[in-house]
Amino acid sequence: ANVTANLLIANYFVIQGVSTGITANGNTLSNARPLTNHVNVVSTVVTDADGVQLPATVAGLSVKIVNISANSVNVFPVANSIINSLSANAAYVLTSNSRATFEAVSSTQWYTFG
């Protein structure tokens, strides 16, 4: 697999990509907003069930999501992937004012921490 990434290390700290002000949209796997950075701050979820989508599942990948909105956000895996013990393609519900780290352990499996 080809991997392209930007990595900055400063004084032994790894500086990771951050996206803030994310608006969740869509309520299905096919129309949820794709996440593009390691740290993602969701600030707007207009209605419960609006969603975001994790990037392609690659073992060792870690994605952090912070939901500072007033509503829960659905976090979808990419097609045919699983979060925790949910069914394939099912959304993980991240409640208002909460956060979770999603860790990929294979090409189809994510686990949440936090």
PDB file of N, CA and C in Angstrom:
ATOM      1  N   ALA A   1       0.849  -1.188   0.000  1.00  0.00           N
ATOM      2  CA  ALA A   1       0.000   0.000   0.000  1.00  0.00           C
ATOM      3  C   ALA A   1       0.880   1.231   0.000  1.00  0.00           C
ATOM      4  N   ASN A   2       0.495   2.201  -0.776  1.00  0.00           N
ATOM      5  CA  ASN A   2       1.190   3.484  -0.781  1.00  0.00           C
ATOM      6  C   ASN A   2       0.583   4.379   0.284  1.00  0.00           C
ATOM      7  N   VAL A   3       1.434   4.995   1.087  1.00  0.00           N
ATOM      8  CA  VAL A   3       0.958   5.878   2.139  1.00  0.00           C
ATOM      9  C   VAL A   3       1.649   7.216   1.990  1.00  0.00           C
ATOM     10  N   THR A   4       0.864   8.264   1.915  1.00  0.00           N
ATOM     11  CA  THR A   4       1.396   9.622   1.872  1.00  0.00           C
ATOM     12  C   THR A   4       0.916  10.323   3.124  1.00  0.00           C
ATOM     13  N   ALA A   5       1.833  10.949   3.844  1.00  0.00           N
ATOM     14  CA  ALA A   5       1.433  11.604   5.086  1.00  0.00           C
ATOM     15  C   ALA A   5       2.357  12.764   5.392  1.00  0.00           C
ATOM     16  N   ASN A   6       1.831  13.695   6.138  1.00  0.00           N
ATOM     17  CA  ASN A   6       2.633  14.793   6.656  1.00  0.00           C
ATOM     18  C   ASN A   6       2.791  14.557   8.145  1.00  0.00           C
ATOM     19  N   LEU A   7       4.017  14.554   8.604  1.00  0.00           N
ATOM     20  CA  LEU A   7       4.294  14.309  10.006  1.00  0.00           C
ATOM     21  C   LEU A   7       5.298  15.342  10.468  1.00  0.00           C
ATOM     22  N   LEU A   8       4.987  15.993  11.565  1.00  0.00           N
ATOM     23  CA  LEU A   8       5.870  16.997  12.121  1.00  0.00           C
ATOM     24  C   LEU A   8       6.177  16.611  13.549  1.00  0.00           C
ATOM     25  N   ILE A   9       7.447  16.551  13.879  1.00  0.00           N
ATOM     26  CA  ILE A   9       7.853  16.239  15.242  1.00  0.00           C
ATOM     27  C   ILE A   9       8.588  17.458  15.785  1.00  0.00           C
ATOM     28  N   ALA A  10       8.129  17.962  16.931  1.00  0.00           N
ATOM     29  CA  ALA A  10       8.734  19.133  17.558  1.00  0.00           C
ATOM     30  C   ALA A  10       9.008  18.817  19.020  1.00  0.00           C
ATOM     31  N   ASN A  11      10.267  18.899  19.404  1.00  0.00           N
ATOM     32  CA  ASN A  11      10.644  18.627  20.794  1.00  0.00           C
ATOM     33  C   ASN A  11      10.065  17.313  21.299  1.00  0.00           C
ATOM     34  N   TYR A  12      10.137  16.283  20.480  1.00  0.00           N
ATOM     35  CA  TYR A  12       9.691  14.931  20.791  1.00  0.00           C
ATOM     36  C   TYR A  12       8.176  14.766  20.822  1.00  0.00           C
ATOM     37  N   PHE A  13       7.422  15.796  20.473  1.00  0.00           N
ATOM     38  CA  PHE A  13       5.968  15.691  20.367  1.00  0.00           C
ATOM     39  C   PHE A  13       5.597  15.518  18.902  1.00  0.00           C
ATOM     40  N   VAL A  14       4.645  14.644  18.632  1.00  0.00           N
ATOM     41  CA  VAL A  14       4.160  14.461  17.269  1.00  0.00           C
ATOM     42  C   VAL A  14       2.976  15.410  17.075  1.00  0.00           C
ATOM     43  N   ILE A  15       3.070  16.252  16.071  1.00  0.00           N
ATOM     44  CA  ILE A  15       1.996  17.190  15.781  1.00  0.00           C
ATOM     45  C   ILE A  15       1.137  16.573  14.680  1.00  0.00           C
ATOM     46  N   GLN A  16      -0.141  16.392  14.988  1.00  0.00           N
ATOM     47  CA  GLN A  16      -1.046  15.685  14.086  1.00  0.00           C
ATOM     48  C   GLN A  16      -2.040  16.648  13.457  1.00  0.00           C
ATOM     49  N   GLY A  17      -2.567  16.266  12.303  1.00  0.00           N
ATOM     50  CA  GLY A  17      -3.549  17.090  11.612  1.00  0.00           C
ATOM     51  C   GLY A  17      -4.820  17.252  12.426  1.00  0.00           C
ATOM     52  N   VAL A  18      -5.365  18.474  12.398  1.00  0.00           N
ATOM     53  CA  VAL A  18      -6.572  18.790  13.159  1.00  0.00           C
ATOM     54  C   VAL A  18      -7.583  19.476  12.247  1.00  0.00           C
ATOM     55  N   SER A  19      -8.843  19.062  12.348  1.00  0.00           N
ATOM     56  CA  SER A  19      -9.952  19.748  11.687  1.00  0.00           C
ATOM     57  C   SER A  19     -10.927  20.205  12.759  1.00  0.00           C
ATOM     58  N   THR A  20     -11.274  21.484  12.746  1.00  0.00           N
ATOM     59  CA  THR A  20     -12.251  22.010  13.694  1.00  0.00           C
ATOM     60  C   THR A  20     -13.443  22.563  12.927  1.00  0.00           C
ATOM     61  N   GLY A  21     -14.513  22.836  13.633  1.00  0.00           N
ATOM     62  CA  GLY A  21     -15.693  23.422  13.003  1.00  0.00           C
ATOM     63  C   GLY A  21     -16.390  22.507  12.019  1.00  0.00           C
ATOM     64  N   ILE A  22     -16.303  21.203  12.232  1.00  0.00           N
ATOM     65  CA  ILE A  22     -16.915  20.238  11.309  1.00  0.00           C
ATOM     66  C   ILE A  22     -18.427  20.218  11.504  1.00  0.00           C
ATOM     67  N   THR A  23     -19.155  20.261  10.411  1.00  0.00           N
ATOM     68  CA  THR A  23     -20.610  20.103  10.425  1.00  0.00           C
ATOM     69  C   THR A  23     -20.940  18.702   9.928  1.00  0.00           C
ATOM     70  N   ALA A  24     -21.570  17.915  10.805  1.00  0.00           N
ATOM     71  CA  ALA A  24     -22.000  16.570  10.404  1.00  0.00           C
ATOM     72  C   ALA A  24     -23.176  16.708   9.450  1.00  0.00           C
ATOM     73  N   ASN A  25     -23.223  15.860   8.455  1.00  0.00           N
ATOM     74  CA  ASN A  25     -24.366  15.877   7.547  1.00  0.00           C
ATOM     75  C   ASN A  25     -24.630  14.473   7.034  1.00  0.00           C
ATOM     76  N   GLY A  26     -25.840  14.280   6.563  1.00  0.00           N
ATOM     77  CA  GLY A  26     -26.213  12.962   6.069  1.00  0.00           C
ATOM     78  C   GLY A  26     -26.482  12.020   7.215  1.00  0.00           C
ATOM     79  N   ASN A  27     -27.381  11.103   7.018  1.00  0.00           N
ATOM     80  CA  ASN A  27     -27.701  10.161   8.095  1.00  0.00           C
ATOM     81  C   ASN A  27     -27.507   8.711   7.671  1.00  0.00           C
ATOM     82  N   THR A  28     -26.711   8.521   6.604  1.00  0.00           N
ATOM     83  CA  THR A  28     -26.380   7.166   6.168  1.00  0.00           C
ATOM     84  C   THR A  28     -24.891   7.098   5.859  1.00  0.00           C
ATOM     85  N   LEU A  29     -24.407   5.903   5.721  1.00  0.00           N
ATOM     86  CA  LEU A  29     -23.006   5.682   5.366  1.00  0.00           C
ATOM     87  C   LEU A  29     -22.647   6.395   4.069  1.00  0.00           C
ATOM     88  N   SER A  30     -23.549   6.394   3.127  1.00  0.00           N
ATOM     89  CA  SER A  30     -23.225   6.940   1.799  1.00  0.00           C
ATOM     90  C   SER A  30     -23.197   8.462   1.734  1.00  0.00           C
ATOM     91  N   ASN A  31     -23.799   9.152   2.713  1.00  0.00           N
ATOM     92  CA  ASN A  31     -23.792  10.611   2.617  1.00  0.00           C
ATOM     93  C   ASN A  31     -23.263  11.325   3.859  1.00  0.00           C
ATOM     94  N   ALA A  32     -22.625  10.593   4.762  1.00  0.00           N
ATOM     95  CA  ALA A  32     -22.019  11.219   5.940  1.00  0.00           C
ATOM     96  C   ALA A  32     -20.754  11.981   5.538  1.00  0.00           C
ATOM     97  N   ARG A  33     -20.426  13.029   6.286  1.00  0.00           N
ATOM     98  CA  ARG A  33     -19.244  13.849   5.985  1.00  0.00           C
ATOM     99  C   ARG A  33     -17.964  13.061   6.263  1.00  0.00           C
ATOM    100  N   PRO A  34     -17.087  12.911   5.270  1.00  0.00           N
ATOM    101  CA  PRO A  34     -15.818  12.197   5.478  1.00  0.00           C
ATOM    102  C   PRO A  34     -14.865  12.996   6.379  1.00  0.00           C
ATOM    103  N   LEU A  35     -14.200  12.302   7.269  1.00  0.00           N
ATOM    104  CA  LEU A  35     -13.189  12.930   8.121  1.00  0.00           C
ATOM    105  C   LEU A  35     -11.831  12.802   7.445  1.00  0.00           C
ATOM    106  N   THR A  36     -11.011  13.848   7.560  1.00  0.00           N
ATOM    107  CA  THR A  36      -9.749  13.877   6.812  1.00  0.00           C
ATOM    108  C   THR A  36      -8.514  14.081   7.679  1.00  0.00           C
ATOM    109  N   ASN A  37      -8.680  14.183   8.988  1.00  0.00           N
ATOM    110  CA  ASN A  37      -7.526  14.409   9.855  1.00  0.00           C
ATOM    111  C   ASN A  37      -7.537  13.452  11.035  1.00  0.00           C
ATOM    112  N   HIS A  38      -6.441  13.496  11.779  1.00  0.00           N
ATOM    113  CA  HIS A  38      -6.302  12.640  12.953  1.00  0.00           C
ATOM    114  C   HIS A  38      -7.222  13.101  14.077  1.00  0.00           C
ATOM    115  N   VAL A  39      -7.305  14.403  14.292  1.00  0.00           N
ATOM    116  CA  VAL A  39      -8.154  14.967  15.339  1.00  0.00           C
ATOM    117  C   VAL A  39      -9.270  15.748  14.656  1.00  0.00           C
ATOM    118  N   ASN A  40     -10.510  15.450  15.013  1.00  0.00           N
ATOM    119  CA  ASN A  40     -11.676  16.044  14.355  1.00  0.00           C
ATOM    120  C   ASN A  40     -12.647  16.569  15.406  1.00  0.00           C
ATOM    121  N   VAL A  41     -12.949  17.871  15.338  1.00  0.00           N
ATOM    122  CA  VAL A  41     -13.867  18.481  16.287  1.00  0.00           C
ATOM    123  C   VAL A  41     -15.174  18.800  15.556  1.00  0.00           C
ATOM    124  N   VAL A  42     -16.222  18.078  15.930  1.00  0.00           N
ATOM    125  CA  VAL A  42     -17.547  18.274  15.332  1.00  0.00           C
ATOM    126  C   VAL A  42     -18.265  19.331  16.167  1.00  0.00           C
ATOM    127  N   SER A  43     -18.591  20.454  15.547  1.00  0.00           N
ATOM    128  CA  SER A  43     -19.232  21.540  16.293  1.00  0.00           C
ATOM    129  C   SER A  43     -20.712  21.702  15.953  1.00  0.00           C
ATOM    130  N   THR A  44     -21.136  21.158  14.816  1.00  0.00           N
ATOM    131  CA  THR A  44     -22.539  21.311  14.422  1.00  0.00           C
ATOM    132  C   THR A  44     -23.121  19.972  13.985  1.00  0.00           C
ATOM    133  N   VAL A  45     -24.186  19.572  14.674  1.00  0.00           N
ATOM    134  CA  VAL A  45     -24.985  18.412  14.296  1.00  0.00           C
ATOM    135  C   VAL A  45     -26.426  18.911  14.362  1.00  0.00           C
ATOM    136  N   VAL A  46     -26.998  19.218  13.218  1.00  0.00           N
ATOM    137  CA  VAL A  46     -28.315  19.851  13.184  1.00  0.00           C
ATOM    138  C   VAL A  46     -29.378  18.946  13.787  1.00  0.00           C
ATOM    139  N   THR A  47     -29.387  17.675  13.410  1.00  0.00           N
ATOM    140  CA  THR A  47     -30.349  16.726  13.983  1.00  0.00           C
ATOM    141  C   THR A  47     -29.613  15.460  14.398  1.00  0.00           C
ATOM    142  N   ASP A  48     -30.113  14.830  15.462  1.00  0.00           N
ATOM    143  CA  ASP A  48     -29.549  13.532  15.850  1.00  0.00           C
ATOM    144  C   ASP A  48     -29.596  12.631  14.622  1.00  0.00           C
ATOM    145  N   ALA A  49     -28.601  11.850  14.430  1.00  0.00           N
ATOM    146  CA  ALA A  49     -28.441  10.922  13.305  1.00  0.00           C
ATOM    147  C   ALA A  49     -27.663  11.538  12.156  1.00  0.00           C
ATOM    148  N   ASP A  50     -27.374  12.853  12.174  1.00  0.00           N
ATOM    149  CA  ASP A  50     -26.431  13.385  11.184  1.00  0.00           C
ATOM    150  C   ASP A  50     -25.093  12.720  11.446  1.00  0.00           C
ATOM    151  N   GLY A  51     -24.287  12.534  10.392  1.00  0.00           N
ATOM    152  CA  GLY A  51     -23.103  11.714  10.575  1.00  0.00           C
ATOM    153  C   GLY A  51     -21.818  12.215   9.982  1.00  0.00           C
ATOM    154  N   VAL A  52     -20.748  11.563  10.424  1.00  0.00           N
ATOM    155  CA  VAL A  52     -19.407  11.710   9.862  1.00  0.00           C
ATOM    156  C   VAL A  52     -18.914  10.310   9.540  1.00  0.00           C
ATOM    157  N   GLN A  53     -17.911  10.220   8.663  1.00  0.00           N
ATOM    158  CA  GLN A  53     -17.404   8.904   8.265  1.00  0.00           C
ATOM    159  C   GLN A  53     -15.909   8.819   8.500  1.00  0.00           C
ATOM    160  N   LEU A  54     -15.505   7.727   9.130  1.00  0.00           N
ATOM    161  CA  LEU A  54     -14.079   7.458   9.347  1.00  0.00           C
ATOM    162  C   LEU A  54     -13.384   7.239   8.006  1.00  0.00           C
ATOM    163  N   PRO A  55     -12.067   7.453   7.963  1.00  0.00           N
ATOM    164  CA  PRO A  55     -11.337   7.173   6.714  1.00  0.00           C
ATOM    165  C   PRO A  55     -11.208   5.671   6.473  1.00  0.00           C
ATOM    166  N   ALA A  56     -10.615   5.323   5.351  1.00  0.00           N
ATOM    167  CA  ALA A  56     -10.385   3.914   5.014  1.00  0.00           C
ATOM    168  C   ALA A  56      -9.692   3.219   6.187  1.00  0.00           C
ATOM    169  N   THR A  57     -10.145   2.021   6.472  1.00  0.00           N
ATOM    170  CA  THR A  57      -9.644   1.274   7.623  1.00  0.00           C
ATOM    171  C   THR A  57      -8.301   0.633   7.303  1.00  0.00           C
ATOM    172  N   VAL A  58      -7.271   1.074   8.035  1.00  0.00           N
ATOM    173  CA  VAL A  58      -5.916   0.540   7.878  1.00  0.00           C
ATOM    174  C   VAL A  58      -5.410   0.202   9.275  1.00  0.00           C
ATOM    175  N   ALA A  59      -4.974  -1.018   9.484  1.00  0.00           N
ATOM    176  CA  ALA A  59      -4.497  -1.424  10.808  1.00  0.00           C
ATOM    177  C   ALA A  59      -3.456  -0.443  11.326  1.00  0.00           C
ATOM    178  N   GLY A  60      -3.650   0.008  12.552  1.00  0.00           N
ATOM    179  CA  GLY A  60      -2.737   0.947  13.183  1.00  0.00           C
ATOM    180  C   GLY A  60      -3.187   2.394  13.105  1.00  0.00           C
ATOM    181  N   LEU A  61      -4.206   2.678  12.298  1.00  0.00           N
ATOM    182  CA  LEU A  61      -4.705   4.044  12.155  1.00  0.00           C
ATOM    183  C   LEU A  61      -5.512   4.437  13.383  1.00  0.00           C
ATOM    184  N   SER A  62      -5.322   5.665  13.833  1.00  0.00           N
ATOM    185  CA  SER A  62      -6.041   6.197  14.978  1.00  0.00           C
ATOM    186  C   SER A  62      -6.707   7.511  14.578  1.00  0.00           C
ATOM    187  N   VAL A  63      -7.990   7.657  14.920  1.00  0.00           N
ATOM    188  CA  VAL A  63      -8.742   8.875  14.618  1.00  0.00           C
ATOM    189  C   VAL A  63      -9.466   9.299  15.888  1.00  0.00           C
ATOM    190  N   LYS A  64      -9.305  10.577  16.259  1.00  0.00           N
ATOM    191  CA  LYS A  64      -9.986  11.113  17.436  1.00  0.00           C
ATOM    192  C   LYS A  64     -11.125  12.016  16.983  1.00  0.00           C
ATOM    193  N   ILE A  65     -12.276  11.863  17.654  1.00  0.00           N
ATOM    194  CA  ILE A  65     -13.429  12.698  17.350  1.00  0.00           C
ATOM    195  C   ILE A  65     -13.939  13.296  18.652  1.00  0.00           C
ATOM    196  N   VAL A  66     -14.133  14.614  18.621  1.00  0.00           N
ATOM    197  CA  VAL A  66     -14.707  15.342  19.749  1.00  0.00           C
ATOM    198  C   VAL A  66     -16.019  15.935  19.255  1.00  0.00           C
ATOM    199  N   ASN A  67     -17.094  15.665  19.959  1.00  0.00           N
ATOM    200  CA  ASN A  67     -18.408  16.204  19.590  1.00  0.00           C
ATOM    201  C   ASN A  67     -18.782  17.288  20.593  1.00  0.00           C
ATOM    202  N   ILE A  68     -18.666  18.563  20.184  1.00  0.00           N
ATOM    203  CA  ILE A  68     -19.021  19.670  21.068  1.00  0.00           C
ATOM    204  C   ILE A  68     -20.392  20.242  20.728  1.00  0.00           C
ATOM    205  N   SER A  69     -21.125  19.567  19.880  1.00  0.00           N
ATOM    206  CA  SER A  69     -22.444  20.046  19.468  1.00  0.00           C
ATOM    207  C   SER A  69     -23.494  19.703  20.532  1.00  0.00           C
ATOM    208  N   ALA A  70     -24.698  20.195  20.322  1.00  0.00           N
ATOM    209  CA  ALA A  70     -25.807  19.942  21.243  1.00  0.00           C
ATOM    210  C   ALA A  70     -26.496  18.602  20.977  1.00  0.00           C
ATOM    211  N   ASN A  71     -26.150  17.940  19.871  1.00  0.00           N
ATOM    212  CA  ASN A  71     -26.790  16.677  19.492  1.00  0.00           C
ATOM    213  C   ASN A  71     -25.772  15.552  19.359  1.00  0.00           C
ATOM    214  N   SER A  72     -26.261  14.318  19.398  1.00  0.00           N
ATOM    215  CA  SER A  72     -25.407  13.156  19.140  1.00  0.00           C
ATOM    216  C   SER A  72     -25.040  13.127  17.660  1.00  0.00           C
ATOM    217  N   VAL A  73     -23.858  12.584  17.367  1.00  0.00           N
ATOM    218  CA  VAL A  73     -23.425  12.430  15.977  1.00  0.00           C
ATOM    219  C   VAL A  73     -23.212  10.941  15.699  1.00  0.00           C
ATOM    220  N   ASN A  74     -23.643  10.488  14.540  1.00  0.00           N
ATOM    221  CA  ASN A  74     -23.384   9.118  14.114  1.00  0.00           C
ATOM    222  C   ASN A  74     -22.011   9.066  13.456  1.00  0.00           C
ATOM    223  N   VAL A  75     -21.187   8.135  13.900  1.00  0.00           N
ATOM    224  CA  VAL A  75     -19.861   7.931  13.311  1.00  0.00           C
ATOM    225  C   VAL A  75     -19.923   6.626  12.524  1.00  0.00           C
ATOM    226  N   PHE A  76     -19.787   6.748  11.206  1.00  0.00           N
ATOM    227  CA  PHE A  76     -19.867   5.580  10.327  1.00  0.00           C
ATOM    228  C   PHE A  76     -18.466   5.101   9.946  1.00  0.00           C
ATOM    229  N   PRO A  77     -18.285   3.783   9.833  1.00  0.00           N
ATOM    230  CA  PRO A  77     -17.049   3.265   9.250  1.00  0.00           C
ATOM    231  C   PRO A  77     -17.165   3.354   7.726  1.00  0.00           C
ATOM    232  N   VAL A  78     -16.098   3.063   7.013  1.00  0.00           N
ATOM    233  CA  VAL A  78     -16.229   2.943   5.555  1.00  0.00           C
ATOM    234  C   VAL A  78     -16.989   1.650   5.260  1.00  0.00           C
ATOM    235  N   ALA A  79     -17.458   1.507   4.048  1.00  0.00           N
ATOM    236  CA  ALA A  79     -18.275   0.348   3.668  1.00  0.00           C
ATOM    237  C   ALA A  79     -17.596  -0.968   4.045  1.00  0.00           C
ATOM    238  N   ASN A  80     -18.395  -1.861   4.582  1.00  0.00           N
ATOM    239  CA  ASN A  80     -17.982  -3.219   4.964  1.00  0.00           C
ATOM    240  C   ASN A  80     -17.043  -3.275   6.158  1.00  0.00           C
ATOM    241  N   SER A  81     -16.982  -2.199   6.935  1.00  0.00           N
ATOM    242  CA  SER A  81     -16.172  -2.198   8.158  1.00  0.00           C
ATOM    243  C   SER A  81     -17.077  -2.190   9.382  1.00  0.00           C
ATOM    244  N   ILE A  82     -16.466  -2.470  10.538  1.00  0.00           N
ATOM    245  CA  ILE A  82     -17.199  -2.646  11.790  1.00  0.00           C
ATOM    246  C   ILE A  82     -16.578  -1.780  12.873  1.00  0.00           C
ATOM    247  N   ILE A  83     -17.417  -1.160  13.699  1.00  0.00           N
ATOM    248  CA  ILE A  83     -16.962  -0.449  14.894  1.00  0.00           C
ATOM    249  C   ILE A  83     -17.393  -1.273  16.105  1.00  0.00           C
ATOM    250  N   ASN A  84     -16.424  -1.627  16.942  1.00  0.00           N
ATOM    251  CA  ASN A  84     -16.672  -2.477  18.118  1.00  0.00           C
ATOM    252  C   ASN A  84     -17.388  -3.756  17.685  1.00  0.00           C
ATOM    253  N   SER A  85     -18.549  -4.047  18.275  1.00  0.00           N
ATOM    254  CA  SER A  85     -19.275  -5.274  17.911  1.00  0.00           C
ATOM    255  C   SER A  85     -20.574  -4.956  17.162  1.00  0.00           C
ATOM    256  N   LEU A  86     -20.647  -3.740  16.603  1.00  0.00           N
ATOM    257  CA  LEU A  86     -21.828  -3.385  15.804  1.00  0.00           C
ATOM    258  C   LEU A  86     -21.809  -4.163  14.494  1.00  0.00           C
ATOM    259  N   SER A  87     -22.922  -4.156  13.775  1.00  0.00           N
ATOM    260  CA  SER A  87     -22.926  -4.810  12.459  1.00  0.00           C
ATOM    261  C   SER A  87     -22.087  -4.004  11.476  1.00  0.00           C
ATOM    262  N   ALA A  88     -21.721  -4.651  10.396  1.00  0.00           N
ATOM    263  CA  ALA A  88     -20.967  -3.968   9.339  1.00  0.00           C
ATOM    264  C   ALA A  88     -21.762  -2.755   8.867  1.00  0.00           C
ATOM    265  N   ASN A  89     -21.064  -1.647   8.679  1.00  0.00           N
ATOM    266  CA  ASN A  89     -21.629  -0.383   8.184  1.00  0.00           C
ATOM    267  C   ASN A  89     -22.481   0.371   9.200  1.00  0.00           C
ATOM    268  N   ALA A  90     -22.685  -0.182  10.392  1.00  0.00           N
ATOM    269  CA  ALA A  90     -23.524   0.481  11.395  1.00  0.00           C
ATOM    270  C   ALA A  90     -22.770   1.636  12.056  1.00  0.00           C
ATOM    271  N   ALA A  91     -23.526   2.669  12.413  1.00  0.00           N
ATOM    272  CA  ALA A  91     -22.945   3.859  13.036  1.00  0.00           C
ATOM    273  C   ALA A  91     -22.770   3.681  14.539  1.00  0.00           C
ATOM    274  N   TYR A  92     -21.681   4.249  15.040  1.00  0.00           N
ATOM    275  CA  TYR A  92     -21.427   4.377  16.471  1.00  0.00           C
ATOM    276  C   TYR A  92     -21.982   5.740  16.874  1.00  0.00           C
ATOM    277  N   VAL A  93     -22.771   5.805  17.922  1.00  0.00           N
ATOM    278  CA  VAL A  93     -23.364   7.076  18.347  1.00  0.00           C
ATOM    279  C   VAL A  93     -22.446   7.737  19.377  1.00  0.00           C
ATOM    280  N   LEU A  94     -21.951   8.912  19.014  1.00  0.00           N
ATOM    281  CA  LEU A  94     -21.100   9.704  19.905  1.00  0.00           C
ATOM    282  C   LEU A  94     -21.980  10.827  20.454  1.00  0.00           C
ATOM    283  N   THR A  95     -22.276  10.759  21.741  1.00  0.00           N
ATOM    284  CA  THR A  95     -23.216  11.700  22.339  1.00  0.00           C
ATOM    285  C   THR A  95     -22.650  13.116  22.396  1.00  0.00           C
ATOM    286  N   SER A  96     -23.554  14.048  22.649  1.00  0.00           N
ATOM    287  CA  SER A  96     -23.187  15.458  22.759  1.00  0.00           C
ATOM    288  C   SER A  96     -22.124  15.659  23.841  1.00  0.00           C
ATOM    289  N   ASN A  97     -21.200  16.555  23.570  1.00  0.00           N
ATOM    290  CA  ASN A  97     -20.137  16.910  24.523  1.00  0.00           C
ATOM    291  C   ASN A  97     -19.352  15.701  25.014  1.00  0.00           C
ATOM    292  N   SER A  98     -18.964  14.843  24.076  1.00  0.00           N
ATOM    293  CA  SER A  98     -18.148  13.682  24.420  1.00  0.00           C
ATOM    294  C   SER A  98     -17.070  13.490  23.364  1.00  0.00           C
ATOM    295  N   ARG A  99     -16.192  12.545  23.611  1.00  0.00           N
ATOM    296  CA  ARG A  99     -15.092  12.283  22.677  1.00  0.00           C
ATOM    297  C   ARG A  99     -14.761  10.803  22.693  1.00  0.00           C
ATOM    298  N   ALA A 100     -14.142  10.364  21.596  1.00  0.00           N
ATOM    299  CA  ALA A 100     -13.706   8.969  21.506  1.00  0.00           C
ATOM    300  C   ALA A 100     -12.546   8.881  20.532  1.00  0.00           C
ATOM    301  N   THR A 101     -11.694   7.905  20.771  1.00  0.00           N
ATOM    302  CA  THR A 101     -10.615   7.581  19.850  1.00  0.00           C
ATOM    303  C   THR A 101     -10.985   6.274  19.169  1.00  0.00           C
ATOM    304  N   PHE A 102     -10.872   6.262  17.858  1.00  0.00           N
ATOM    305  CA  PHE A 102     -11.178   5.083  17.052  1.00  0.00           C
ATOM    306  C   PHE A 102      -9.853   4.499  16.565  1.00  0.00           C
ATOM    307  N   GLU A 103      -9.605   3.246  16.914  1.00  0.00           N
ATOM    308  CA  GLU A 103      -8.364   2.563  16.548  1.00  0.00           C
ATOM    309  C   GLU A 103      -8.681   1.411  15.602  1.00  0.00           C
ATOM    310  N   ALA A 104      -8.048   1.419  14.440  1.00  0.00           N
ATOM    311  CA  ALA A 104      -8.228   0.322  13.486  1.00  0.00           C
ATOM    312  C   ALA A 104      -7.234  -0.785  13.817  1.00  0.00           C
ATOM    313  N   VAL A 105      -7.736  -2.012  13.895  1.00  0.00           N
ATOM    314  CA  VAL A 105      -6.868  -3.151  14.204  1.00  0.00           C
ATOM    315  C   VAL A 105      -6.719  -4.104  13.023  1.00  0.00           C
ATOM    316  N   SER A 106      -7.482  -3.845  11.966  1.00  0.00           N
ATOM    317  CA  SER A 106      -7.383  -4.639  10.740  1.00  0.00           C
ATOM    318  C   SER A 106      -7.936  -3.783   9.610  1.00  0.00           C
ATOM    319  N   SER A 107      -8.122  -4.388   8.458  1.00  0.00           N
ATOM    320  CA  SER A 107      -8.661  -3.626   7.329  1.00  0.00           C
ATOM    321  C   SER A 107     -10.182  -3.487   7.375  1.00  0.00           C
ATOM    322  N   THR A 108     -10.812  -4.074   8.407  1.00  0.00           N
ATOM    323  CA  THR A 108     -12.275  -3.969   8.519  1.00  0.00           C
ATOM    324  C   THR A 108     -12.776  -3.699   9.938  1.00  0.00           C
ATOM    325  N   GLN A 109     -11.888  -3.593  10.926  1.00  0.00           N
ATOM    326  CA  GLN A 109     -12.337  -3.509  12.330  1.00  0.00           C
ATOM    327  C   GLN A 109     -11.781  -2.277  13.041  1.00  0.00           C
ATOM    328  N   TRP A 110     -12.698  -1.483  13.642  1.00  0.00           N
ATOM    329  CA  TRP A 110     -12.358  -0.349  14.507  1.00  0.00           C
ATOM    330  C   TRP A 110     -12.799  -0.664  15.931  1.00  0.00           C
ATOM    331  N   TYR A 111     -12.045  -0.158  16.923  1.00  0.00           N
ATOM    332  CA  TYR A 111     -12.478  -0.203  18.315  1.00  0.00           C
ATOM    333  C   TYR A 111     -12.412   1.210  18.862  1.00  0.00           C
ATOM    334  N   THR A 112     -13.327   1.516  19.792  1.00  0.00           N
ATOM    335  CA  THR A 112     -13.338   2.837  20.404  1.00  0.00           C
ATOM    336  C   THR A 112     -12.702   2.802  21.779  1.00  0.00           C
ATOM    337  N   PHE A 113     -12.071   3.918  22.130  1.00  0.00           N
ATOM    338  CA  PHE A 113     -11.477   4.111  23.442  1.00  0.00           C
ATOM    339  C   PHE A 113     -11.881   5.510  23.914  1.00  0.00           C
ATOM    340  N   GLY A 114     -12.206   5.619  25.170  1.00  0.00           N
ATOM    341  CA  GLY A 114     -12.504   6.952  25.711  1.00  0.00           C
ATOM    342  C   GLY A 114     -13.951   7.232  25.901  1.00  0.00           C
TER     343      GLY A 114
END
